[in-house]
Amino acid sequence: MNKSELIDAIAASADISKSAAGRALDGAIDAVKKALKKGDMVTLVGFGTFYVGKRAARTGRNPRTGTAIKIKAAKVPKFRAGKGLKDSVN
């Protein structure tokens, strides 16, 4: 499912226009991004939790030359599925 198909599904489910569903989806995504940028967790009960994880610095290899390179530590967005989502899939 891509973004436009998701917007169509939201519009049909909530009985709103596709443009309103698109704005709502964009607003929700922006809110999650802002919360993660501040370092907060976003928990949607029954769906899951978005949070920021840390990736340690490590040594990698350049695939073209085979030389070792240093990869810096980074913050990465992560998602942990909730019980309701897990149950609906199984």
PDB file of N, CA and C in Angstrom:
ATOM      1  N   MET A   1       0.859  -1.175   0.000  1.00  0.00           N
ATOM      2  CA  MET A   1       0.000   0.000   0.000  1.00  0.00           C
ATOM      3  C   MET A   1       0.899   1.230   0.000  1.00  0.00           C
ATOM      4  N   ASN A   2       0.642   2.144  -0.930  1.00  0.00           N
ATOM      5  CA  ASN A   2       1.406   3.384  -0.956  1.00  0.00           C
ATOM      6  C   ASN A   2       0.589   4.513  -0.314  1.00  0.00           C
ATOM      7  N   LYS A   3       1.131   5.717  -0.327  1.00  0.00           N
ATOM      8  CA  LYS A   3       0.502   6.825   0.379  1.00  0.00           C
ATOM      9  C   LYS A   3      -0.872   7.162  -0.201  1.00  0.00           C
ATOM     10  N   SER A   4      -1.008   7.177  -1.520  1.00  0.00           N
ATOM     11  CA  SER A   4      -2.303   7.534  -2.105  1.00  0.00           C
ATOM     12  C   SER A   4      -3.362   6.474  -1.806  1.00  0.00           C
ATOM     13  N   GLU A   5      -2.978   5.215  -1.776  1.00  0.00           N
ATOM     14  CA  GLU A   5      -3.922   4.159  -1.415  1.00  0.00           C
ATOM     15  C   GLU A   5      -4.322   4.274   0.060  1.00  0.00           C
ATOM     16  N   LEU A   6      -3.383   4.670   0.912  1.00  0.00           N
ATOM     17  CA  LEU A   6      -3.685   4.872   2.323  1.00  0.00           C
ATOM     18  C   LEU A   6      -4.652   6.043   2.490  1.00  0.00           C
ATOM     19  N   ILE A   7      -4.437   7.112   1.753  1.00  0.00           N
ATOM     20  CA  ILE A   7      -5.336   8.271   1.808  1.00  0.00           C
ATOM     21  C   ILE A   7      -6.739   7.865   1.362  1.00  0.00           C
ATOM     22  N   ASP A   8      -6.841   7.068   0.295  1.00  0.00           N
ATOM     23  CA  ASP A   8      -8.143   6.586  -0.168  1.00  0.00           C
ATOM     24  C   ASP A   8      -8.837   5.763   0.916  1.00  0.00           C
ATOM     25  N   ALA A   9      -8.091   4.901   1.594  1.00  0.00           N
ATOM     26  CA  ALA A   9      -8.662   4.064   2.648  1.00  0.00           C
ATOM     27  C   ALA A   9      -9.119   4.907   3.831  1.00  0.00           C
ATOM     28  N   ILE A  10      -8.339   5.917   4.203  1.00  0.00           N
ATOM     29  CA  ILE A  10      -8.719   6.801   5.307  1.00  0.00           C
ATOM     30  C   ILE A  10      -9.977   7.569   4.952  1.00  0.00           C
ATOM     31  N   ALA A  11     -10.034   8.100   3.722  1.00  0.00           N
ATOM     32  CA  ALA A  11     -11.199   8.871   3.286  1.00  0.00           C
ATOM     33  C   ALA A  11     -12.459   8.013   3.306  1.00  0.00           C
ATOM     34  N   ALA A  12     -12.357   6.780   2.841  1.00  0.00           N
ATOM     35  CA  ALA A  12     -13.520   5.897   2.817  1.00  0.00           C
ATOM     36  C   ALA A  12     -13.947   5.511   4.231  1.00  0.00           C
ATOM     37  N   SER A  13     -12.985   5.220   5.092  1.00  0.00           N
ATOM     38  CA  SER A  13     -13.288   4.786   6.452  1.00  0.00           C
ATOM     39  C   SER A  13     -13.886   5.908   7.297  1.00  0.00           C
ATOM     40  N   ALA A  14     -13.345   7.120   7.151  1.00  0.00           N
ATOM     41  CA  ALA A  14     -13.790   8.239   7.977  1.00  0.00           C
ATOM     42  C   ALA A  14     -14.898   9.056   7.316  1.00  0.00           C
ATOM     43  N   ASP A  15     -15.279   8.687   6.088  1.00  0.00           N
ATOM     44  CA  ASP A  15     -16.315   9.391   5.332  1.00  0.00           C
ATOM     45  C   ASP A  15     -15.985  10.880   5.187  1.00  0.00           C
ATOM     46  N   ILE A  16     -14.740  11.153   4.747  1.00  0.00           N
ATOM     47  CA  ILE A  16     -14.288  12.516   4.480  1.00  0.00           C
ATOM     48  C   ILE A  16     -13.694  12.558   3.082  1.00  0.00           C
ATOM     49  N   SER A  17     -13.409  13.760   2.597  1.00  0.00           N
ATOM     50  CA  SER A  17     -12.844  13.891   1.255  1.00  0.00           C
ATOM     51  C   SER A  17     -11.400  13.403   1.242  1.00  0.00           C
ATOM     52  N   LYS A  18     -10.925  13.085   0.044  1.00  0.00           N
ATOM     53  CA  LYS A  18      -9.545  12.626  -0.087  1.00  0.00           C
ATOM     54  C   LYS A  18      -8.563  13.725   0.284  1.00  0.00           C
ATOM     55  N   SER A  19      -8.884  14.968  -0.032  1.00  0.00           N
ATOM     56  CA  SER A  19      -7.968  16.063   0.309  1.00  0.00           C
ATOM     57  C   SER A  19      -7.889  16.246   1.823  1.00  0.00           C
ATOM     58  N   ALA A  20      -9.019  16.115   2.514  1.00  0.00           N
ATOM     59  CA  ALA A  20      -9.012  16.220   3.979  1.00  0.00           C
ATOM     60  C   ALA A  20      -8.240  15.054   4.588  1.00  0.00           C
ATOM     61  N   ALA A  21      -8.401  13.867   4.024  1.00  0.00           N
ATOM     62  CA  ALA A  21      -7.669  12.698   4.523  1.00  0.00           C
ATOM     63  C   ALA A  21      -6.176  12.876   4.298  1.00  0.00           C
ATOM     64  N   GLY A  22      -5.791  13.438   3.156  1.00  0.00           N
ATOM     65  CA  GLY A  22      -4.375  13.702   2.871  1.00  0.00           C
ATOM     66  C   GLY A  22      -3.782  14.693   3.848  1.00  0.00           C
ATOM     67  N   ARG A  23      -4.531  15.763   4.145  1.00  0.00           N
ATOM     68  CA  ARG A  23      -4.046  16.753   5.120  1.00  0.00           C
ATOM     69  C   ARG A  23      -3.928  16.140   6.507  1.00  0.00           C
ATOM     70  N   ALA A  24      -4.887  15.290   6.874  1.00  0.00           N
ATOM     71  CA  ALA A  24      -4.844  14.635   8.184  1.00  0.00           C
ATOM     72  C   ALA A  24      -3.637  13.702   8.286  1.00  0.00           C
ATOM     73  N   LEU A  25      -3.386  12.940   7.230  1.00  0.00           N
ATOM     74  CA  LEU A  25      -2.238  12.029   7.239  1.00  0.00           C
ATOM     75  C   LEU A  25      -0.930  12.806   7.306  1.00  0.00           C
ATOM     76  N   ASP A  26      -0.815  13.868   6.514  1.00  0.00           N
ATOM     77  CA  ASP A  26       0.387  14.693   6.548  1.00  0.00           C
ATOM     78  C   ASP A  26       0.594  15.319   7.923  1.00  0.00           C
ATOM     79  N   GLY A  27      -0.501  15.768   8.540  1.00  0.00           N
ATOM     80  CA  GLY A  27      -0.412  16.339   9.884  1.00  0.00           C
ATOM     81  C   GLY A  27       0.049  15.330  10.913  1.00  0.00           C
ATOM     82  N   ALA A  28      -0.450  14.102  10.808  1.00  0.00           N
ATOM     83  CA  ALA A  28      -0.053  13.058  11.754  1.00  0.00           C
ATOM     84  C   ALA A  28       1.422  12.701  11.580  1.00  0.00           C
ATOM     85  N   ILE A  29       1.862  12.595  10.332  1.00  0.00           N
ATOM     86  CA  ILE A  29       3.268  12.275  10.077  1.00  0.00           C
ATOM     87  C   ILE A  29       4.176  13.388  10.576  1.00  0.00           C
ATOM     88  N   ASP A  30       3.794  14.642  10.338  1.00  0.00           N
ATOM     89  CA  ASP A  30       4.592  15.774  10.821  1.00  0.00           C
ATOM     90  C   ASP A  30       4.671  15.802  12.339  1.00  0.00           C
ATOM     91  N   ALA A  31       3.566  15.483  13.008  1.00  0.00           N
ATOM     92  CA  ALA A  31       3.555  15.464  14.474  1.00  0.00           C
ATOM     93  C   ALA A  31       4.497  14.393  15.011  1.00  0.00           C
ATOM     94  N   VAL A  32       4.506  13.215  14.381  1.00  0.00           N
ATOM     95  CA  VAL A  32       5.404  12.138  14.809  1.00  0.00           C
ATOM     96  C   VAL A  32       6.855  12.565  14.583  1.00  0.00           C
ATOM     97  N   LYS A  33       7.154  13.164  13.431  1.00  0.00           N
ATOM     98  CA  LYS A  33       8.520  13.609  13.142  1.00  0.00           C
ATOM     99  C   LYS A  33       9.002  14.635  14.164  1.00  0.00           C
ATOM    100  N   LYS A  34       8.152  15.605  14.500  1.00  0.00           N
ATOM    101  CA  LYS A  34       8.533  16.644  15.466  1.00  0.00           C
ATOM    102  C   LYS A  34       8.784  16.050  16.843  1.00  0.00           C
ATOM    103  N   ALA A  35       7.937  15.113  17.253  1.00  0.00           N
ATOM    104  CA  ALA A  35       8.114  14.481  18.565  1.00  0.00           C
ATOM    105  C   ALA A  35       9.411  13.686  18.609  1.00  0.00           C
ATOM    106  N   LEU A  36       9.708  12.940  17.547  1.00  0.00           N
ATOM    107  CA  LEU A  36      10.946  12.155  17.515  1.00  0.00           C
ATOM    108  C   LEU A  36      12.163  13.063  17.476  1.00  0.00           C
ATOM    109  N   LYS A  37      12.065  14.188  16.779  1.00  0.00           N
ATOM    110  CA  LYS A  37      13.188  15.122  16.720  1.00  0.00           C
ATOM    111  C   LYS A  37      13.513  15.678  18.103  1.00  0.00           C
ATOM    112  N   LYS A  38      12.473  15.861  18.937  1.00  0.00           N
ATOM    113  CA  LYS A  38      12.682  16.329  20.308  1.00  0.00           C
ATOM    114  C   LYS A  38      13.161  15.207  21.218  1.00  0.00           C
ATOM    115  N   GLY A  39      13.120  13.968  20.741  1.00  0.00           N
ATOM    116  CA  GLY A  39      13.552  12.835  21.556  1.00  0.00           C
ATOM    117  C   GLY A  39      12.418  12.163  22.301  1.00  0.00           C
ATOM    118  N   ASP A  40      11.176  12.557  22.025  1.00  0.00           N
ATOM    119  CA  ASP A  40      10.020  11.966  22.691  1.00  0.00           C
ATOM    120  C   ASP A  40       9.605  10.660  22.017  1.00  0.00           C
ATOM    121  N   MET A  41       8.849   9.864  22.748  1.00  0.00           N
ATOM    122  CA  MET A  41       8.251   8.650  22.192  1.00  0.00           C
ATOM    123  C   MET A  41       6.816   8.979  21.798  1.00  0.00           C
ATOM    124  N   VAL A  42       6.324   8.335  20.751  1.00  0.00           N
ATOM    125  CA  VAL A  42       4.932   8.481  20.332  1.00  0.00           C
ATOM    126  C   VAL A  42       4.281   7.110  20.455  1.00  0.00           C
ATOM    127  N   THR A  43       3.324   6.987  21.364  1.00  0.00           N
ATOM    128  CA  THR A  43       2.674   5.712  21.620  1.00  0.00           C
ATOM    129  C   THR A  43       1.223   5.785  21.160  1.00  0.00           C
ATOM    130  N   LEU A  44       0.844   4.886  20.288  1.00  0.00           N
ATOM    131  CA  LEU A  44      -0.537   4.741  19.838  1.00  0.00           C
ATOM    132  C   LEU A  44      -1.016   3.398  20.382  1.00  0.00           C
ATOM    133  N   VAL A  45      -1.835   3.445  21.422  1.00  0.00           N
ATOM    134  CA  VAL A  45      -2.261   2.237  22.119  1.00  0.00           C
ATOM    135  C   VAL A  45      -2.955   1.300  21.135  1.00  0.00           C
ATOM    136  N   GLY A  46      -2.529   0.057  21.134  1.00  0.00           N
ATOM    137  CA  GLY A  46      -3.085  -0.948  20.248  1.00  0.00           C
ATOM    138  C   GLY A  46      -2.401  -0.998  18.892  1.00  0.00           C
ATOM    139  N   PHE A  47      -1.600   0.020  18.554  1.00  0.00           N
ATOM    140  CA  PHE A  47      -0.903   0.039  17.267  1.00  0.00           C
ATOM    141  C   PHE A  47       0.585  -0.148  17.456  1.00  0.00           C
ATOM    142  N   GLY A  48       1.218   0.735  18.242  1.00  0.00           N
ATOM    143  CA  GLY A  48       2.647   0.598  18.473  1.00  0.00           C
ATOM    144  C   GLY A  48       3.274   1.880  18.982  1.00  0.00           C
ATOM    145  N   THR A  49       4.592   1.861  19.078  1.00  0.00           N
ATOM    146  CA  THR A  49       5.353   2.981  19.614  1.00  0.00           C
ATOM    147  C   THR A  49       6.482   3.338  18.671  1.00  0.00           C
ATOM    148  N   PHE A  50       6.571   4.626  18.358  1.00  0.00           N
ATOM    149  CA  PHE A  50       7.694   5.171  17.607  1.00  0.00           C
ATOM    150  C   PHE A  50       8.666   5.759  18.620  1.00  0.00           C
ATOM    151  N   TYR A  51       9.964   5.499  18.451  1.00  0.00           N
ATOM    152  CA  TYR A  51      10.954   6.046  19.368  1.00  0.00           C
ATOM    153  C   TYR A  51      12.278   6.214  18.631  1.00  0.00           C
ATOM    154  N   VAL A  52      13.215   6.906  19.293  1.00  0.00           N
ATOM    155  CA  VAL A  52      14.532   7.143  18.711  1.00  0.00           C
ATOM    156  C   VAL A  52      15.523   6.185  19.346  1.00  0.00           C
ATOM    157  N   GLY A  53      16.216   5.423  18.526  1.00  0.00           N
ATOM    158  CA  GLY A  53      17.243   4.513  18.994  1.00  0.00           C
ATOM    159  C   GLY A  53      18.617   5.055  18.653  1.00  0.00           C
ATOM    160  N   LYS A  54      19.629   4.494  19.234  1.00  0.00           N
ATOM    161  CA  LYS A  54      21.002   4.925  18.976  1.00  0.00           C
ATOM    162  C   LYS A  54      21.773   3.803  18.298  1.00  0.00           C
ATOM    163  N   ARG A  55      22.496   4.169  17.268  1.00  0.00           N
ATOM    164  CA  ARG A  55      23.349   3.213  16.565  1.00  0.00           C
ATOM    165  C   ARG A  55      24.792   3.586  16.895  1.00  0.00           C
ATOM    166  N   ALA A  56      25.551   2.655  17.368  1.00  0.00           N
ATOM    167  CA  ALA A  56      26.931   2.910  17.778  1.00  0.00           C
ATOM    168  C   ALA A  56      27.831   3.123  16.560  1.00  0.00           C
ATOM    169  N   ALA A  57      28.934   3.821  16.797  1.00  0.00           N
ATOM    170  CA  ALA A  57      29.932   3.986  15.742  1.00  0.00           C
ATOM    171  C   ALA A  57      30.559   2.631  15.435  1.00  0.00           C
ATOM    172  N   ARG A  58      30.942   2.439  14.179  1.00  0.00           N
ATOM    173  CA  ARG A  58      31.514   1.151  13.806  1.00  0.00           C
ATOM    174  C   ARG A  58      32.443   1.328  12.613  1.00  0.00           C
ATOM    175  N   THR A  59      33.156   0.275  12.309  1.00  0.00           N
ATOM    176  CA  THR A  59      34.044   0.277  11.155  1.00  0.00           C
ATOM    177  C   THR A  59      33.376  -0.529  10.048  1.00  0.00           C
ATOM    178  N   GLY A  60      33.316   0.077   8.867  1.00  0.00           N
ATOM    179  CA  GLY A  60      32.729  -0.596   7.719  1.00  0.00           C
ATOM    180  C   GLY A  60      33.757  -0.752   6.621  1.00  0.00           C
ATOM    181  N   ARG A  61      33.336  -1.269   5.500  1.00  0.00           N
ATOM    182  CA  ARG A  61      34.234  -1.464   4.355  1.00  0.00           C
ATOM    183  C   ARG A  61      33.636  -0.787   3.132  1.00  0.00           C
ATOM    184  N   ASN A  62      34.481  -0.095   2.385  1.00  0.00           N
ATOM    185  CA  ASN A  62      34.082   0.468   1.110  1.00  0.00           C
ATOM    186  C   ASN A  62      33.957  -0.702   0.134  1.00  0.00           C
ATOM    187  N   PRO A  63      32.768  -0.942  -0.421  1.00  0.00           N
ATOM    188  CA  PRO A  63      32.611  -2.120  -1.281  1.00  0.00           C
ATOM    189  C   PRO A  63      33.418  -2.037  -2.579  1.00  0.00           C
ATOM    190  N   ARG A  64      33.725  -0.848  -3.022  1.00  0.00           N
ATOM    191  CA  ARG A  64      34.461  -0.716  -4.269  1.00  0.00           C
ATOM    192  C   ARG A  64      35.955  -0.991  -4.084  1.00  0.00           C
ATOM    193  N   THR A  65      36.527  -0.415  -2.994  1.00  0.00           N
ATOM    194  CA  THR A  65      37.972  -0.552  -2.806  1.00  0.00           C
ATOM    195  C   THR A  65      38.350  -1.554  -1.730  1.00  0.00           C
ATOM    196  N   GLY A  66      37.423  -1.852  -0.825  1.00  0.00           N
ATOM    197  CA  GLY A  66      37.719  -2.787   0.252  1.00  0.00           C
ATOM    198  C   GLY A  66      38.431  -2.149   1.430  1.00  0.00           C
ATOM    199  N   THR A  67      38.655  -0.829   1.387  1.00  0.00           N
ATOM    200  CA  THR A  67      39.334  -0.168   2.498  1.00  0.00           C
ATOM    201  C   THR A  67      38.371   0.035   3.661  1.00  0.00           C
ATOM    202  N   ALA A  68      38.922   0.051   4.859  1.00  0.00           N
ATOM    203  CA  ALA A  68      38.120   0.258   6.061  1.00  0.00           C
ATOM    204  C   ALA A  68      37.751   1.732   6.177  1.00  0.00           C
ATOM    205  N   ILE A  69      36.503   2.006   6.568  1.00  0.00           N
ATOM    206  CA  ILE A  69      36.058   3.375   6.808  1.00  0.00           C
ATOM    207  C   ILE A  69      35.360   3.421   8.153  1.00  0.00           C
ATOM    208  N   LYS A  70      35.378   4.602   8.778  1.00  0.00           N
ATOM    209  CA  LYS A  70      34.710   4.789  10.062  1.00  0.00           C
ATOM    210  C   LYS A  70      33.310   5.326   9.799  1.00  0.00           C
ATOM    211  N   ILE A  71      32.309   4.693  10.407  1.00  0.00           N
ATOM    212  CA  ILE A  71      30.923   5.128  10.304  1.00  0.00           C
ATOM    213  C   ILE A  71      30.552   5.722  11.651  1.00  0.00           C
ATOM    214  N   LYS A  72      30.098   6.979  11.632  1.00  0.00           N
ATOM    215  CA  LYS A  72      29.782   7.690  12.868  1.00  0.00           C
ATOM    216  C   LYS A  72      28.551   7.113  13.557  1.00  0.00           C
ATOM    217  N   ALA A  73      28.439   7.369  14.850  1.00  0.00           N
ATOM    218  CA  ALA A  73      27.244   7.007  15.605  1.00  0.00           C
ATOM    219  C   ALA A  73      26.083   7.848  15.087  1.00  0.00           C
ATOM    220  N   ALA A  74      24.868   7.315  15.198  1.00  0.00           N
ATOM    221  CA  ALA A  74      23.705   8.027  14.680  1.00  0.00           C
ATOM    222  C   ALA A  74      22.468   7.704  15.508  1.00  0.00           C
ATOM    223  N   LYS A  75      21.505   8.618  15.456  1.00  0.00           N
ATOM    224  CA  LYS A  75      20.184   8.371  16.025  1.00  0.00           C
ATOM    225  C   LYS A  75      19.305   7.890  14.885  1.00  0.00           C
ATOM    226  N   VAL A  76      18.516   6.855  15.137  1.00  0.00           N
ATOM    227  CA  VAL A  76      17.664   6.297  14.092  1.00  0.00           C
ATOM    228  C   VAL A  76      16.236   6.130  14.619  1.00  0.00           C
ATOM    229  N   PRO A  77      15.226   6.406  13.781  1.00  0.00           N
ATOM    230  CA  PRO A  77      13.849   6.174  14.215  1.00  0.00           C
ATOM    231  C   PRO A  77      13.552   4.678  14.216  1.00  0.00           C
ATOM    232  N   LYS A  78      12.800   4.253  15.223  1.00  0.00           N
ATOM    233  CA  LYS A  78      12.440   2.845  15.339  1.00  0.00           C
ATOM    234  C   LYS A  78      10.958   2.730  15.662  1.00  0.00           C
ATOM    235  N   PHE A  79      10.403   1.548  15.401  1.00  0.00           N
ATOM    236  CA  PHE A  79       8.999   1.280  15.671  1.00  0.00           C
ATOM    237  C   PHE A  79       8.874  -0.080  16.332  1.00  0.00           C
ATOM    238  N   ARG A  80       8.100  -0.124  17.416  1.00  0.00           N
ATOM    239  CA  ARG A  80       7.829  -1.389  18.093  1.00  0.00           C
ATOM    240  C   ARG A  80       6.316  -1.619  18.018  1.00  0.00           C
ATOM    241  N   ALA A  81       5.909  -2.688  17.375  1.00  0.00           N
ATOM    242  CA  ALA A  81       4.482  -2.979  17.185  1.00  0.00           C
ATOM    243  C   ALA A  81       3.822  -3.312  18.516  1.00  0.00           C
ATOM    244  N   GLY A  82       2.581  -2.833  18.673  1.00  0.00           N
ATOM    245  CA  GLY A  82       1.805  -3.106  19.868  1.00  0.00           C
ATOM    246  C   GLY A  82       1.068  -4.430  19.760  1.00  0.00           C
ATOM    247  N   LYS A  83       0.475  -4.844  20.874  1.00  0.00           N
ATOM    248  CA  LYS A  83      -0.211  -6.137  20.924  1.00  0.00           C
ATOM    249  C   LYS A  83      -1.369  -6.196  19.939  1.00  0.00           C
ATOM    250  N   GLY A  84      -2.134  -5.140  19.828  1.00  0.00           N
ATOM    251  CA  GLY A  84      -3.274  -5.142  18.919  1.00  0.00           C
ATOM    252  C   GLY A  84      -2.870  -5.334  17.469  1.00  0.00           C
ATOM    253  N   LEU A  85      -1.778  -4.696  17.069  1.00  0.00           N
ATOM    254  CA  LEU A  85      -1.268  -4.839  15.693  1.00  0.00           C
ATOM    255  C   LEU A  85      -0.733  -6.245  15.464  1.00  0.00           C
ATOM    256  N   LYS A  86       0.000  -6.759  16.444  1.00  0.00           N
ATOM    257  CA  LYS A  86       0.542  -8.119  16.325  1.00  0.00           C
ATOM    258  C   LYS A  86      -0.585  -9.145  16.217  1.00  0.00           C
ATOM    259  N   ASP A  87      -1.619  -8.972  17.034  1.00  0.00           N
ATOM    260  CA  ASP A  87      -2.747  -9.918  17.021  1.00  0.00           C
ATOM    261  C   ASP A  87      -3.520  -9.868  15.705  1.00  0.00           C
ATOM    262  N   SER A  88      -3.626  -8.674  15.109  1.00  0.00           N
ATOM    263  CA  SER A  88      -4.381  -8.557  13.866  1.00  0.00           C
ATOM    264  C   SER A  88      -3.653  -9.189  12.687  1.00  0.00           C
ATOM    265  N   VAL A  89      -2.338  -9.286  12.782  1.00  0.00           N
ATOM    266  CA  VAL A  89      -1.546  -9.875  11.691  1.00  0.00           C
ATOM    267  C   VAL A  89      -1.581 -11.395  11.787  1.00  0.00           C
ATOM    268  N   ASN A  90      -1.584 -11.931  12.987  1.00  0.00           N
ATOM    269  CA  ASN A  90      -1.548 -13.392  13.152  1.00  0.00           C
ATOM    270  C   ASN A  90      -2.913 -14.004  13.163  1.00  0.00           C
TER     271      ASN A  90
END
